[in-house]
N, C-alpha and C. Protein backbone atom coordinates (compact mmCIF):
# COMPACT_ATOMS: atom_id res chain seq x y z
N ASN A 1 -78.14 -101.40 39.80
CA ASN A 1 -77.33 -102.44 39.21
C ASN A 1 -76.64 -101.87 37.96
N TYR A 2 -75.34 -101.84 37.98
CA TYR A 2 -74.58 -101.25 36.88
C TYR A 2 -74.67 -102.06 35.59
N TYR A 3 -74.78 -103.36 35.70
CA TYR A 3 -74.94 -104.18 34.50
C TYR A 3 -76.25 -103.84 33.79
N ASP A 4 -77.34 -103.79 34.53
CA ASP A 4 -78.64 -103.48 33.94
C ASP A 4 -78.67 -102.06 33.38
N SER A 5 -78.08 -101.14 34.10
CA SER A 5 -78.02 -99.76 33.61
C SER A 5 -77.24 -99.69 32.30
N GLY A 6 -76.12 -100.38 32.26
CA GLY A 6 -75.33 -100.42 31.03
C GLY A 6 -76.08 -101.08 29.89
N LYS A 7 -76.79 -102.15 30.20
CA LYS A 7 -77.55 -102.86 29.17
C LYS A 7 -78.64 -101.96 28.59
N ASN A 8 -79.36 -101.27 29.46
CA ASN A 8 -80.40 -100.35 29.00
C ASN A 8 -79.79 -99.23 28.14
N ASP A 9 -78.67 -98.68 28.59
CA ASP A 9 -78.00 -97.64 27.81
C ASP A 9 -77.53 -98.18 26.47
N GLY A 10 -77.05 -99.41 26.44
CA GLY A 10 -76.58 -100.01 25.20
C GLY A 10 -77.70 -100.19 24.19
N VAL A 11 -78.85 -100.64 24.65
CA VAL A 11 -80.01 -100.79 23.75
C VAL A 11 -80.42 -99.42 23.23
N HIS A 12 -80.52 -98.45 24.13
CA HIS A 12 -80.92 -97.10 23.71
C HIS A 12 -79.91 -96.51 22.71
N TRP A 13 -78.63 -96.65 23.01
CA TRP A 13 -77.59 -96.14 22.11
C TRP A 13 -77.71 -96.79 20.74
N ALA A 14 -77.87 -98.09 20.72
CA ALA A 14 -77.94 -98.82 19.45
C ALA A 14 -79.13 -98.38 18.61
N LYS A 15 -80.21 -97.98 19.24
CA LYS A 15 -81.39 -97.53 18.51
C LYS A 15 -81.19 -96.17 17.86
N THR A 16 -80.20 -95.42 18.30
CA THR A 16 -80.05 -94.03 17.85
C THR A 16 -78.88 -93.79 16.92
N VAL A 17 -78.05 -94.80 16.67
CA VAL A 17 -76.83 -94.57 15.88
C VAL A 17 -76.97 -95.10 14.46
N HIS A 18 -76.03 -94.69 13.64
CA HIS A 18 -75.97 -95.17 12.26
C HIS A 18 -75.47 -96.61 12.23
N TYR A 19 -75.77 -97.28 11.15
CA TYR A 19 -75.40 -98.68 10.96
C TYR A 19 -73.90 -98.91 11.17
N GLU A 20 -73.07 -98.02 10.62
CA GLU A 20 -71.62 -98.19 10.73
C GLU A 20 -71.16 -98.17 12.19
N GLU A 21 -71.75 -97.27 12.99
CA GLU A 21 -71.39 -97.21 14.40
C GLU A 21 -71.86 -98.46 15.14
N LEU A 22 -73.03 -98.95 14.77
CA LEU A 22 -73.53 -100.18 15.38
C LEU A 22 -72.61 -101.35 15.07
N MET A 23 -72.18 -101.45 13.83
CA MET A 23 -71.26 -102.53 13.44
C MET A 23 -69.94 -102.41 14.19
N TYR A 24 -69.47 -101.20 14.34
CA TYR A 24 -68.23 -100.97 15.09
C TYR A 24 -68.39 -101.46 16.53
N ALA A 25 -69.49 -101.07 17.17
CA ALA A 25 -69.72 -101.44 18.57
C ALA A 25 -69.86 -102.95 18.74
N LEU A 26 -70.47 -103.61 17.77
CA LEU A 26 -70.62 -105.07 17.86
C LEU A 26 -69.26 -105.77 17.83
N ASN A 27 -68.30 -105.19 17.13
CA ASN A 27 -66.97 -105.79 17.05
C ASN A 27 -66.01 -105.25 18.09
N TRP A 28 -66.42 -104.23 18.81
CA TRP A 28 -65.58 -103.60 19.83
C TRP A 28 -65.53 -104.48 21.08
N ASN A 29 -64.33 -104.64 21.64
CA ASN A 29 -64.22 -105.42 22.87
C ASN A 29 -63.10 -104.95 23.79
N ASP A 30 -62.56 -103.78 23.54
CA ASP A 30 -61.45 -103.26 24.34
C ASP A 30 -61.97 -102.43 25.50
N LEU A 31 -62.54 -103.07 26.50
CA LEU A 31 -63.14 -102.37 27.63
C LEU A 31 -62.13 -101.48 28.33
N ASP A 32 -60.90 -101.92 28.44
CA ASP A 32 -59.90 -101.16 29.18
C ASP A 32 -59.59 -99.82 28.54
N SER A 33 -59.82 -99.68 27.26
CA SER A 33 -59.56 -98.42 26.56
C SER A 33 -60.85 -97.71 26.14
N ALA A 34 -61.93 -97.98 26.85
CA ALA A 34 -63.23 -97.43 26.47
C ALA A 34 -63.21 -95.91 26.38
N LEU A 35 -62.57 -95.26 27.32
CA LEU A 35 -62.58 -93.80 27.34
C LEU A 35 -61.70 -93.20 26.25
N GLN A 36 -60.76 -93.95 25.72
CA GLN A 36 -59.88 -93.46 24.67
C GLN A 36 -60.31 -93.90 23.28
N ASP A 37 -61.36 -94.69 23.18
CA ASP A 37 -61.78 -95.22 21.89
C ASP A 37 -62.17 -94.09 20.95
N ARG A 38 -61.74 -94.19 19.69
CA ARG A 38 -61.98 -93.11 18.72
C ARG A 38 -63.45 -92.92 18.38
N VAL A 39 -64.26 -93.96 18.48
CA VAL A 39 -65.68 -93.87 18.15
C VAL A 39 -66.54 -93.74 19.41
N LEU A 40 -66.24 -94.53 20.42
CA LEU A 40 -67.09 -94.61 21.61
C LEU A 40 -66.58 -93.82 22.81
N GLY A 41 -65.38 -93.32 22.74
CA GLY A 41 -64.75 -92.67 23.88
C GLY A 41 -65.52 -91.50 24.46
N ASP A 42 -66.01 -90.61 23.61
CA ASP A 42 -66.77 -89.46 24.11
C ASP A 42 -68.04 -89.90 24.82
N TYR A 43 -68.72 -90.88 24.24
CA TYR A 43 -69.94 -91.39 24.85
C TYR A 43 -69.65 -91.97 26.24
N PHE A 44 -68.63 -92.83 26.34
CA PHE A 44 -68.32 -93.46 27.62
C PHE A 44 -67.78 -92.45 28.63
N THR A 45 -67.06 -91.44 28.17
CA THR A 45 -66.57 -90.41 29.08
C THR A 45 -67.75 -89.69 29.72
N LYS A 46 -68.76 -89.37 28.91
CA LYS A 46 -69.96 -88.71 29.44
C LYS A 46 -70.67 -89.61 30.44
N LYS A 47 -70.85 -90.87 30.10
CA LYS A 47 -71.54 -91.81 31.00
C LYS A 47 -70.76 -91.99 32.30
N GLN A 48 -69.46 -92.08 32.18
CA GLN A 48 -68.61 -92.28 33.35
C GLN A 48 -68.69 -91.06 34.27
N SER A 49 -68.78 -89.87 33.71
CA SER A 49 -68.82 -88.65 34.53
C SER A 49 -70.15 -88.50 35.26
N GLU A 50 -71.17 -89.23 34.84
CA GLU A 50 -72.48 -89.15 35.48
C GLU A 50 -72.57 -89.98 36.76
N SER A 51 -71.58 -90.78 37.03
CA SER A 51 -71.59 -91.62 38.24
C SER A 51 -70.24 -91.58 38.92
N ARG A 52 -70.24 -91.14 40.17
CA ARG A 52 -68.99 -91.07 40.92
C ARG A 52 -68.40 -92.46 41.18
N LEU A 53 -69.25 -93.49 41.14
CA LEU A 53 -68.76 -94.84 41.42
C LEU A 53 -68.04 -95.48 40.23
N MET A 54 -68.28 -94.98 39.03
CA MET A 54 -67.64 -95.55 37.84
C MET A 54 -66.33 -94.80 37.58
N ALA A 55 -65.34 -95.11 38.38
CA ALA A 55 -64.07 -94.40 38.31
C ALA A 55 -63.04 -95.18 37.51
N VAL A 56 -62.04 -94.45 37.09
CA VAL A 56 -60.87 -95.06 36.47
C VAL A 56 -59.71 -94.78 37.42
N THR A 57 -59.04 -95.83 37.81
CA THR A 57 -57.93 -95.72 38.73
C THR A 57 -56.62 -95.94 37.97
N PRO A 58 -55.51 -95.70 38.61
CA PRO A 58 -54.23 -95.99 37.94
C PRO A 58 -54.11 -97.45 37.50
N ASP A 59 -54.87 -98.33 38.14
CA ASP A 59 -54.85 -99.75 37.78
C ASP A 59 -55.83 -100.06 36.65
N GLY A 60 -56.61 -99.09 36.21
CA GLY A 60 -57.57 -99.30 35.13
C GLY A 60 -58.99 -99.04 35.59
N LEU A 61 -59.94 -99.64 34.91
CA LEU A 61 -61.35 -99.46 35.23
C LEU A 61 -61.68 -100.10 36.57
N ASN A 62 -62.53 -99.43 37.35
CA ASN A 62 -62.95 -100.10 38.57
C ASN A 62 -64.08 -101.08 38.25
N GLU A 63 -64.48 -101.86 39.24
CA GLU A 63 -65.44 -102.93 38.99
C GLU A 63 -66.79 -102.42 38.52
N TYR A 64 -67.25 -101.27 38.99
CA TYR A 64 -68.55 -100.74 38.58
C TYR A 64 -68.55 -100.34 37.11
N PHE A 65 -67.48 -99.68 36.69
CA PHE A 65 -67.40 -99.24 35.30
C PHE A 65 -67.26 -100.45 34.38
N ARG A 66 -66.48 -101.42 34.78
CA ARG A 66 -66.31 -102.63 33.96
C ARG A 66 -67.65 -103.37 33.81
N VAL A 67 -68.40 -103.51 34.88
CA VAL A 67 -69.70 -104.19 34.83
C VAL A 67 -70.66 -103.38 33.96
N TYR A 68 -70.63 -102.05 34.07
CA TYR A 68 -71.46 -101.20 33.22
C TYR A 68 -71.14 -101.45 31.75
N LEU A 69 -69.85 -101.46 31.41
CA LEU A 69 -69.45 -101.67 30.01
C LEU A 69 -69.86 -103.05 29.50
N GLU A 70 -69.75 -104.06 30.34
CA GLU A 70 -70.19 -105.40 29.94
C GLU A 70 -71.68 -105.41 29.67
N GLY A 71 -72.45 -104.73 30.51
CA GLY A 71 -73.89 -104.63 30.29
C GLY A 71 -74.20 -103.84 29.03
N TRP A 72 -73.45 -102.76 28.79
CA TRP A 72 -73.65 -101.94 27.60
C TRP A 72 -73.45 -102.77 26.33
N LYS A 73 -72.37 -103.51 26.31
CA LYS A 73 -72.07 -104.37 25.15
C LYS A 73 -73.18 -105.41 24.96
N SER A 74 -73.67 -105.97 26.05
CA SER A 74 -74.76 -106.94 25.97
C SER A 74 -76.03 -106.30 25.42
N GLY A 75 -76.32 -105.07 25.81
CA GLY A 75 -77.49 -104.37 25.30
C GLY A 75 -77.40 -104.11 23.81
N VAL A 76 -76.22 -103.73 23.35
CA VAL A 76 -76.01 -103.51 21.91
C VAL A 76 -76.22 -104.83 21.16
N GLU A 77 -75.67 -105.90 21.68
CA GLU A 77 -75.82 -107.21 21.04
C GLU A 77 -77.28 -107.67 21.05
N GLN A 78 -77.98 -107.41 22.14
CA GLN A 78 -79.40 -107.78 22.22
C GLN A 78 -80.19 -107.03 21.15
N PHE A 79 -79.95 -105.74 21.01
CA PHE A 79 -80.65 -104.96 19.99
C PHE A 79 -80.36 -105.52 18.60
N TRP A 80 -79.12 -105.84 18.33
CA TRP A 80 -78.74 -106.37 17.02
C TRP A 80 -79.46 -107.68 16.73
N GLU A 81 -79.54 -108.57 17.73
CA GLU A 81 -80.23 -109.84 17.54
C GLU A 81 -81.71 -109.63 17.22
N GLU A 82 -82.29 -108.58 17.78
CA GLU A 82 -83.72 -108.31 17.54
C GLU A 82 -83.98 -107.74 16.15
N ILE A 83 -83.02 -107.01 15.59
CA ILE A 83 -83.29 -106.34 14.31
C ILE A 83 -82.58 -106.90 13.10
N ARG A 84 -81.58 -107.71 13.30
CA ARG A 84 -80.74 -108.11 12.16
C ARG A 84 -81.50 -108.85 11.07
N GLU A 85 -82.48 -109.63 11.42
CA GLU A 85 -83.26 -110.36 10.41
C GLU A 85 -84.18 -109.42 9.63
N LYS A 86 -84.44 -108.26 10.17
CA LYS A 86 -85.35 -107.32 9.53
C LYS A 86 -84.64 -106.40 8.54
N LEU A 87 -83.32 -106.43 8.52
CA LEU A 87 -82.56 -105.55 7.61
C LEU A 87 -82.37 -106.19 6.26
C-alpha cells in the first residue's frame, strides 16, 4: 500500500530532520512539484527511484506516487501532533 509506505516514511523522515525542515514540510503542499522542491526534491527523487510504479509521466505524477506523497505528508503531520506539546 503506497499510502501506508509513504506515511511510514514520513514519520521516519520527520524524526531525523531539523526543526526548520519539519516546519517547511508541514507547510508544504505542492505535490505536483515534489521532485523539483528545493528542500524535499532530492529526498523524493530517491524514494521515487526505488519503485518502478511511482513514475512521473508527461501528465504529472502517477496515482501511486501521488498516494505515496499524500501518505508521506500525513506521516509528517502525525509525528508533529505527537511531539508538538513536548517542545
